[in-house]
Amino acid sequence: SISGDLMIRNIQLNHGGKYVCVIDTDVESLSTSAILVVKGPPGPPDKVAVEEITDSTAQLSWTPGRDNGSPITGYIIQARTPFTVGWQAVDTVFVFFSLVPEVVNGNMLTATVVGLNAWVEYEFRVVARNIVGLGEPSPASAKTRTEDAIPDTAPTDVGGGGGTKSELVITWEPLSEELQNGEGFGYIIAFRSVGMVKWTRAIISTPGVSRYVLRNDTIRPFSPFDVKVAAFNNRGEGPFSSIATVYSAEDVPSVAPKMVRARSLSAAEIEVIWEILPSLPERVLGYEV
């Protein structure tokens, strides 16, 4: 009248199989059996290889791991570079050029990763999934560098100003090494006086620089200039940034205040009065008494 049961704690995949329950008496023995199927996340894929690589894509292949009792429903491709923090899922594309974010069909053993940065060293790994969950990742592929390409990103935060007399100071946010896309990296600085048509160009071949100073005695103080900056490498020139307005360095006021006079207000106060300066070529920010 009492039922029995079998509890398997911390079950493992190798616990699956045929189980037999036997009841014994002095008269006879009776038994019945059941098949226990233990399902788990897939095992790690293997032999991840980069079959072909361009400046922005990589063709990958791999071999499947064990499905562990439940068919593999998809794969997730992950990538790592010297510029990322850990592994990150990447997008793939099928033969029909439909973008598949992160997950590849479980029947596929190849995928084309898209959206890679040029001239960057990549490692790839593959993670399988089924209805139970995500499995362990595969071993990483061999490190492979994408091909070089013309820079496709323009410098940002172009501005400047300040400096000393007869200077035009131009600044920008330098591109990270991840976005340089190849060797021979540098910057092209283009500038012109506001209202002019022709641009003057200057070239800087130092990747980490973020400042250019033009010195010319013909530059009038606090004159507006149109300024833009682009990146280049051995493959060519990238796009220019949007145009920013930058003013040349200011000069000290050329005229002193006039009609300076003072009068006593109290035992502790004196009022100083002067005549406001007329319009000057130099910008007047204030007065010092």
Foldseek 3Di string as FASTA:
>chain_A
DDDDDDDDPPDDLVVWAKDKDWDDDPVDIDIDIDGGQDAAWFAAWEDWEFPDFAQFKTKIFTGGGGRSRFQWAWKFKWKDFPPDDDIDTFWWADPVGDIDGGIGGSVDGMTMTGGAHAFTKMKMWMWIGGPRGIYDIYDIYPIDHHHADWQADAWAPWEFEADDPQKFKIFTQADDPSRQRDAQKWKKKWKDFPPDDDIDIDIDRDRHDTMDMDGDNPAQAFGKMWIWMWMGGPRGTYDIDDIDIYTYHFDDFPDDWPPWDWDDDDPPDIDIDTDDDDDDSGDDPDDDD
